[in-house]
PDB file of N, CA and C in Angstrom:
ATOM      1  N   UNK A   1       0.839  -1.175   0.000  1.00  0.00           N
ATOM      2  CA  UNK A   1       0.000   0.000   0.000  1.00  0.00           C
ATOM      3  C   UNK A   1       0.889   1.245   0.000  1.00  0.00           C
ATOM      4  N   UNK A   2       0.555   2.169  -0.842  1.00  0.00           N
ATOM      5  CA  UNK A   2       1.302   3.417  -0.930  1.00  0.00           C
ATOM      6  C   UNK A   2       0.739   4.392   0.092  1.00  0.00           C
ATOM      7  N   UNK A   3       1.626   4.958   0.893  1.00  0.00           N
ATOM      8  CA  UNK A   3       1.208   5.879   1.941  1.00  0.00           C
ATOM      9  C   UNK A   3       1.975   7.181   1.797  1.00  0.00           C
ATOM     10  N   UNK A   4       1.259   8.277   1.853  1.00  0.00           N
ATOM     11  CA  UNK A   4       1.908   9.582   1.872  1.00  0.00           C
ATOM     12  C   UNK A   4       1.030  10.550   2.657  1.00  0.00           C
ATOM     13  N   UNK A   5       1.658  11.552   3.209  1.00  0.00           N
ATOM     14  CA  UNK A   5       0.917  12.571   3.935  1.00  0.00           C
ATOM     15  C   UNK A   5       0.765  13.798   3.051  1.00  0.00           C
ATOM     16  N   UNK A   6      -0.327  14.487   3.220  1.00  0.00           N
ATOM     17  CA  UNK A   6      -0.603  15.630   2.356  1.00  0.00           C
ATOM     18  C   UNK A   6       0.133  16.885   2.801  1.00  0.00           C
ATOM     19  N   UNK A   7       0.479  16.986   4.072  1.00  0.00           N
ATOM     20  CA  UNK A   7       1.118  18.204   4.564  1.00  0.00           C
ATOM     21  C   UNK A   7       2.432  18.519   3.849  1.00  0.00           C
ATOM     22  N   UNK A   8       3.351  17.558   3.693  1.00  0.00           N
ATOM     23  CA  UNK A   8       4.578  17.893   2.953  1.00  0.00           C
ATOM     24  C   UNK A   8       4.313  18.285   1.503  1.00  0.00           C
ATOM     25  N   UNK A   9       3.311  17.698   0.895  1.00  0.00           N
ATOM     26  CA  UNK A   9       2.987  18.027  -0.493  1.00  0.00           C
ATOM     27  C   UNK A   9       2.474  19.458  -0.588  1.00  0.00           C
ATOM     28  N   UNK A  10       1.578  19.832   0.316  1.00  0.00           N
ATOM     29  CA  UNK A  10       1.042  21.192   0.315  1.00  0.00           C
ATOM     30  C   UNK A  10       2.135  22.199   0.649  1.00  0.00           C
ATOM     31  N   UNK A  11       2.971  21.874   1.629  1.00  0.00           N
ATOM     32  CA  UNK A  11       4.056  22.790   1.996  1.00  0.00           C
ATOM     33  C   UNK A  11       5.072  22.963   0.870  1.00  0.00           C
ATOM     34  N   UNK A  12       5.388  21.896   0.157  1.00  0.00           N
ATOM     35  CA  UNK A  12       6.330  22.023  -0.959  1.00  0.00           C
ATOM     36  C   UNK A  12       5.720  22.826  -2.101  1.00  0.00           C
ATOM     37  N   UNK A  13       4.423  22.690  -2.309  1.00  0.00           N
ATOM     38  CA  UNK A  13       3.741  23.469  -3.343  1.00  0.00           C
ATOM     39  C   UNK A  13       3.766  24.956  -2.997  1.00  0.00           C
ATOM     40  N   UNK A  14       3.413  25.276  -1.779  1.00  0.00           N
ATOM     41  CA  UNK A  14       3.418  26.676  -1.341  1.00  0.00           C
ATOM     42  C   UNK A  14       4.844  27.229  -1.377  1.00  0.00           C
ATOM     43  N   UNK A  15       5.796  26.436  -0.931  1.00  0.00           N
ATOM     44  CA  UNK A  15       7.192  26.881  -0.958  1.00  0.00           C
ATOM     45  C   UNK A  15       7.687  27.155  -2.365  1.00  0.00           C
ATOM     46  N   UNK A  16       7.329  26.284  -3.302  1.00  0.00           N
ATOM     47  CA  UNK A  16       7.740  26.488  -4.692  1.00  0.00           C
ATOM     48  C   UNK A  16       7.091  27.743  -5.276  1.00  0.00           C
ATOM     49  N   UNK A  17       5.839  27.979  -4.930  1.00  0.00           N
ATOM     50  CA  UNK A  17       5.147  29.161  -5.427  1.00  0.00           C
ATOM     51  C   UNK A  17       5.785  30.432  -4.868  1.00  0.00           C
ATOM     52  N   UNK A  18       6.078  30.434  -3.580  1.00  0.00           N
ATOM     53  CA  UNK A  18       6.699  31.605  -2.950  1.00  0.00           C
ATOM     54  C   UNK A  18       8.106  31.830  -3.499  1.00  0.00           C
ATOM     55  N   UNK A  19       8.878  30.759  -3.643  1.00  0.00           N
ATOM     56  CA  UNK A  19      10.222  30.895  -4.187  1.00  0.00           C
ATOM     57  C   UNK A  19      10.192  31.431  -5.618  1.00  0.00           C
ATOM     58  N   UNK A  20       9.271  30.938  -6.430  1.00  0.00           N
ATOM     59  CA  UNK A  20       9.139  31.437  -7.799  1.00  0.00           C
ATOM     60  C   UNK A  20       8.720  32.896  -7.836  1.00  0.00           C
ATOM     61  N   UNK A  21       7.804  33.269  -6.944  1.00  0.00           N
ATOM     62  CA  UNK A  21       7.362  34.666  -6.889  1.00  0.00           C
ATOM     63  C   UNK A  21       8.513  35.580  -6.497  1.00  0.00           C
ATOM     64  N   UNK A  22       9.318  35.146  -5.552  1.00  0.00           N
ATOM     65  CA  UNK A  22      10.476  35.951  -5.156  1.00  0.00           C
ATOM     66  C   UNK A  22      11.544  35.979  -6.239  1.00  0.00           C
ATOM     67  N   UNK A  23      11.755  34.849  -6.877  1.00  0.00           N
ATOM     68  CA  UNK A  23      12.823  34.727  -7.874  1.00  0.00           C
ATOM     69  C   UNK A  23      12.620  35.712  -9.032  1.00  0.00           C
ATOM     70  N   UNK A  24      11.374  35.845  -9.498  1.00  0.00           N
ATOM     71  CA  UNK A  24      11.092  36.718 -10.627  1.00  0.00           C
ATOM     72  C   UNK A  24      10.587  38.085 -10.204  1.00  0.00           C
ATOM     73  N   UNK A  25      10.712  38.424  -8.935  1.00  0.00           N
ATOM     74  CA  UNK A  25      10.265  39.723  -8.446  1.00  0.00           C
ATOM     75  C   UNK A  25      11.372  40.757  -8.599  1.00  0.00           C
ATOM     76  N   UNK A  26      11.015  42.030  -8.456  1.00  0.00           N
ATOM     77  CA  UNK A  26      12.052  43.075  -8.504  1.00  0.00           C
ATOM     78  C   UNK A  26      13.074  42.936  -7.376  1.00  0.00           C
ATOM     79  N   UNK A  27      12.721  42.209  -6.330  1.00  0.00           N
ATOM     80  CA  UNK A  27      13.640  42.025  -5.203  1.00  0.00           C
ATOM     81  C   UNK A  27      14.882  41.255  -5.645  1.00  0.00           C
ATOM     82  N   UNK A  28      14.718  40.259  -6.500  1.00  0.00           N
ATOM     83  CA  UNK A  28      15.865  39.436  -6.893  1.00  0.00           C
ATOM     84  C   UNK A  28      16.264  39.642  -8.350  1.00  0.00           C
ATOM     85  N   UNK A  29      15.644  38.910  -9.267  1.00  0.00           N
ATOM     86  CA  UNK A  29      16.189  38.827 -10.621  1.00  0.00           C
ATOM     87  C   UNK A  29      15.261  39.289 -11.737  1.00  0.00           C
ATOM     88  N   UNK A  30      14.244  40.077 -11.444  1.00  0.00           N
ATOM     89  CA  UNK A  30      13.318  40.497 -12.496  1.00  0.00           C
ATOM     90  C   UNK A  30      14.033  41.303 -13.587  1.00  0.00           C
ATOM     91  N   UNK A  31      14.907  42.194 -13.198  1.00  0.00           N
ATOM     92  CA  UNK A  31      15.616  43.034 -14.172  1.00  0.00           C
ATOM     93  C   UNK A  31      16.423  42.175 -15.149  1.00  0.00           C
ATOM     94  N   UNK A  32      17.157  41.212 -14.617  1.00  0.00           N
ATOM     95  CA  UNK A  32      17.976  40.354 -15.470  1.00  0.00           C
ATOM     96  C   UNK A  32      17.119  39.432 -16.332  1.00  0.00           C
ATOM     97  N   UNK A  33      15.998  38.981 -15.775  1.00  0.00           N
ATOM     98  CA  UNK A  33      15.088  38.128 -16.530  1.00  0.00           C
ATOM     99  C   UNK A  33      14.484  38.905 -17.698  1.00  0.00           C
ATOM    100  N   UNK A  34      14.077  40.158 -17.457  1.00  0.00           N
ATOM    101  CA  UNK A  34      13.523  40.989 -18.524  1.00  0.00           C
ATOM    102  C   UNK A  34      14.551  41.233 -19.624  1.00  0.00           C
ATOM    103  N   UNK A  35      15.784  41.506 -19.238  1.00  0.00           N
ATOM    104  CA  UNK A  35      16.847  41.714 -20.222  1.00  0.00           C
ATOM    105  C   UNK A  35      17.074  40.437 -21.035  1.00  0.00           C
ATOM    106  N   UNK A  36      17.104  39.309 -20.360  1.00  0.00           N
ATOM    107  CA  UNK A  36      17.311  38.034 -21.045  1.00  0.00           C
ATOM    108  C   UNK A  36      16.191  37.683 -22.004  1.00  0.00           C
ATOM    109  N   UNK A  37      14.961  38.047 -21.632  1.00  0.00           N
ATOM    110  CA  UNK A  37      13.815  37.781 -22.503  1.00  0.00           C
ATOM    111  C   UNK A  37      13.662  38.843 -23.588  1.00  0.00           C
ATOM    112  N   UNK A  38      14.317  39.969 -23.411  1.00  0.00           N
ATOM    113  CA  UNK A  38      14.240  41.043 -24.399  1.00  0.00           C
ATOM    114  C   UNK A  38      12.919  41.789 -24.366  1.00  0.00           C
ATOM    115  N   UNK A  39      12.306  41.910 -23.199  1.00  0.00           N
ATOM    116  CA  UNK A  39      11.041  42.622 -23.060  1.00  0.00           C
ATOM    117  C   UNK A  39      11.200  43.716 -22.008  1.00  0.00           C
ATOM    118  N   UNK A  40      10.209  44.603 -21.969  1.00  0.00           N
ATOM    119  CA  UNK A  40      10.183  45.634 -20.942  1.00  0.00           C
ATOM    120  C   UNK A  40       9.121  45.276 -19.917  1.00  0.00           C
ATOM    121  N   UNK A  41       9.134  45.988 -18.812  1.00  0.00           N
ATOM    122  CA  UNK A  41       8.168  45.699 -17.760  1.00  0.00           C
ATOM    123  C   UNK A  41       6.736  45.935 -18.239  1.00  0.00           C
ATOM    124  N   UNK A  42       6.551  46.880 -19.130  1.00  0.00           N
ATOM    125  CA  UNK A  42       5.223  47.163 -19.680  1.00  0.00           C
ATOM    126  C   UNK A  42       4.701  46.065 -20.592  1.00  0.00           C
ATOM    127  N   UNK A  43       5.589  45.234 -21.127  1.00  0.00           N
ATOM    128  CA  UNK A  43       5.178  44.153 -22.022  1.00  0.00           C
ATOM    129  C   UNK A  43       4.608  42.946 -21.284  1.00  0.00           C
ATOM    130  N   UNK A  44       4.863  42.865 -19.989  1.00  0.00           N
ATOM    131  CA  UNK A  44       4.407  41.714 -19.220  1.00  0.00           C
ATOM    132  C   UNK A  44       2.908  41.852 -18.973  1.00  0.00           C
ATOM    133  N   UNK A  45       2.119  40.883 -19.400  1.00  0.00           N
ATOM    134  CA  UNK A  45       0.673  40.983 -19.165  1.00  0.00           C
ATOM    135  C   UNK A  45       0.356  40.779 -17.684  1.00  0.00           C
ATOM    136  N   UNK A  46      -0.708  41.405 -17.242  1.00  0.00           N
ATOM    137  CA  UNK A  46      -1.139  41.231 -15.861  1.00  0.00           C
ATOM    138  C   UNK A  46      -1.773  39.851 -15.741  1.00  0.00           C
ATOM    139  N   UNK A  47      -1.372  39.121 -14.744  1.00  0.00           N
ATOM    140  CA  UNK A  47      -1.898  37.778 -14.514  1.00  0.00           C
ATOM    141  C   UNK A  47      -3.139  37.868 -13.640  1.00  0.00           C
ATOM    142  N   UNK A  48      -4.132  37.091 -13.992  1.00  0.00           N
ATOM    143  CA  UNK A  48      -5.366  37.095 -13.226  1.00  0.00           C
ATOM    144  C   UNK A  48      -5.260  36.148 -12.039  1.00  0.00           C
ATOM    145  N   UNK A  49      -6.211  36.271 -11.139  1.00  0.00           N
ATOM    146  CA  UNK A  49      -6.243  35.398  -9.973  1.00  0.00           C
ATOM    147  C   UNK A  49      -6.480  33.955 -10.414  1.00  0.00           C
ATOM    148  N   UNK A  50      -7.318  33.761 -11.425  1.00  0.00           N
ATOM    149  CA  UNK A  50      -7.585  32.392 -11.892  1.00  0.00           C
ATOM    150  C   UNK A  50      -6.320  31.754 -12.468  1.00  0.00           C
ATOM    151  N   UNK A  51      -5.476  32.535 -13.098  1.00  0.00           N
ATOM    152  CA  UNK A  51      -4.198  32.014 -13.605  1.00  0.00           C
ATOM    153  C   UNK A  51      -3.322  31.530 -12.460  1.00  0.00           C
ATOM    154  N   UNK A  52      -3.251  32.325 -11.393  1.00  0.00           N
ATOM    155  CA  UNK A  52      -2.432  31.936 -10.246  1.00  0.00           C
ATOM    156  C   UNK A  52      -3.000  30.704  -9.541  1.00  0.00           C
ATOM    157  N   UNK A  53      -4.323  30.608  -9.467  1.00  0.00           N
ATOM    158  CA  UNK A  53      -4.944  29.439  -8.844  1.00  0.00           C
ATOM    159  C   UNK A  53      -4.667  28.194  -9.678  1.00  0.00           C
ATOM    160  N   UNK A  54      -4.817  28.289 -10.995  1.00  0.00           N
ATOM    161  CA  UNK A  54      -4.535  27.144 -11.873  1.00  0.00           C
ATOM    162  C   UNK A  54      -3.082  26.715 -11.751  1.00  0.00           C
ATOM    163  N   UNK A  55      -2.176  27.671 -11.720  1.00  0.00           N
ATOM    164  CA  UNK A  55      -0.759  27.352 -11.585  1.00  0.00           C
ATOM    165  C   UNK A  55      -0.480  26.644 -10.261  1.00  0.00           C
ATOM    166  N   UNK A  56      -1.104  27.105  -9.194  1.00  0.00           N
ATOM    167  CA  UNK A  56      -0.931  26.461  -7.889  1.00  0.00           C
ATOM    168  C   UNK A  56      -1.481  25.041  -7.888  1.00  0.00           C
ATOM    169  N   UNK A  57      -2.611  24.832  -8.545  1.00  0.00           N
ATOM    170  CA  UNK A  57      -3.195  23.483  -8.623  1.00  0.00           C
ATOM    171  C   UNK A  57      -2.285  22.561  -9.427  1.00  0.00           C
ATOM    172  N   UNK A  58      -1.748  23.051 -10.522  1.00  0.00           N
ATOM    173  CA  UNK A  58      -0.815  22.248 -11.328  1.00  0.00           C
ATOM    174  C   UNK A  58       0.428  21.872 -10.518  1.00  0.00           C
ATOM    175  N   UNK A  59       0.935  22.840  -9.749  1.00  0.00           N
ATOM    176  CA  UNK A  59       2.112  22.570  -8.913  1.00  0.00           C
ATOM    177  C   UNK A  59       1.769  21.549  -7.832  1.00  0.00           C
ATOM    178  N   UNK A  60       0.577  21.636  -7.257  1.00  0.00           N
ATOM    179  CA  UNK A  60       0.153  20.680  -6.239  1.00  0.00           C
ATOM    180  C   UNK A  60       0.082  19.273  -6.817  1.00  0.00           C
ATOM    181  N   UNK A  61      -0.457  19.165  -8.012  1.00  0.00           N
ATOM    182  CA  UNK A  61      -0.535  17.855  -8.676  1.00  0.00           C
ATOM    183  C   UNK A  61       0.868  17.325  -8.971  1.00  0.00           C
ATOM    184  N   UNK A  62       1.734  18.194  -9.465  1.00  0.00           N
ATOM    185  CA  UNK A  62       3.101  17.760  -9.781  1.00  0.00           C
ATOM    186  C   UNK A  62       3.838  17.309  -8.532  1.00  0.00           C
ATOM    187  N   UNK A  63       3.717  18.049  -7.457  1.00  0.00           N
ATOM    188  CA  UNK A  63       4.382  17.664  -6.204  1.00  0.00           C
ATOM    189  C   UNK A  63       3.798  16.369  -5.665  1.00  0.00           C
ATOM    190  N   UNK A  64       2.491  16.175  -5.844  1.00  0.00           N
ATOM    191  CA  UNK A  64       1.876  14.925  -5.420  1.00  0.00           C
ATOM    192  C   UNK A  64       2.374  13.745  -6.211  1.00  0.00           C
ATOM    193  N   UNK A  65       2.601  13.952  -7.509  1.00  0.00           N
ATOM    194  CA  UNK A  65       3.120  12.871  -8.352  1.00  0.00           C
ATOM    195  C   UNK A  65       4.562  12.528  -7.990  1.00  0.00           C
ATOM    196  N   UNK A  66       5.341  13.552  -7.655  1.00  0.00           N
ATOM    197  CA  UNK A  66       6.731  13.315  -7.273  1.00  0.00           C
ATOM    198  C   UNK A  66       6.824  12.584  -5.943  1.00  0.00           C
ATOM    199  N   UNK A  67       5.894  12.921  -5.029  1.00  0.00           N
ATOM    200  CA  UNK A  67       5.915  12.278  -3.708  1.00  0.00           C
ATOM    201  C   UNK A  67       5.566  10.826  -3.870  1.00  0.00           C
TER     202      UNK A  67
END
């Protein structure tokens, strides 16, 4: 029987989301990422709440599959 707990899966999902948000934020590497992509800050489309929820659900599923 396969046994796993949901708490580590949820925590890893939240951690990955927070780390990604920080990684691409102006606090860390947004400037370098924009230069590398060849776009300006105005070119980045605004992300909706539903986009962020879908991304979090996908990450939760992926972390669950890895566990």
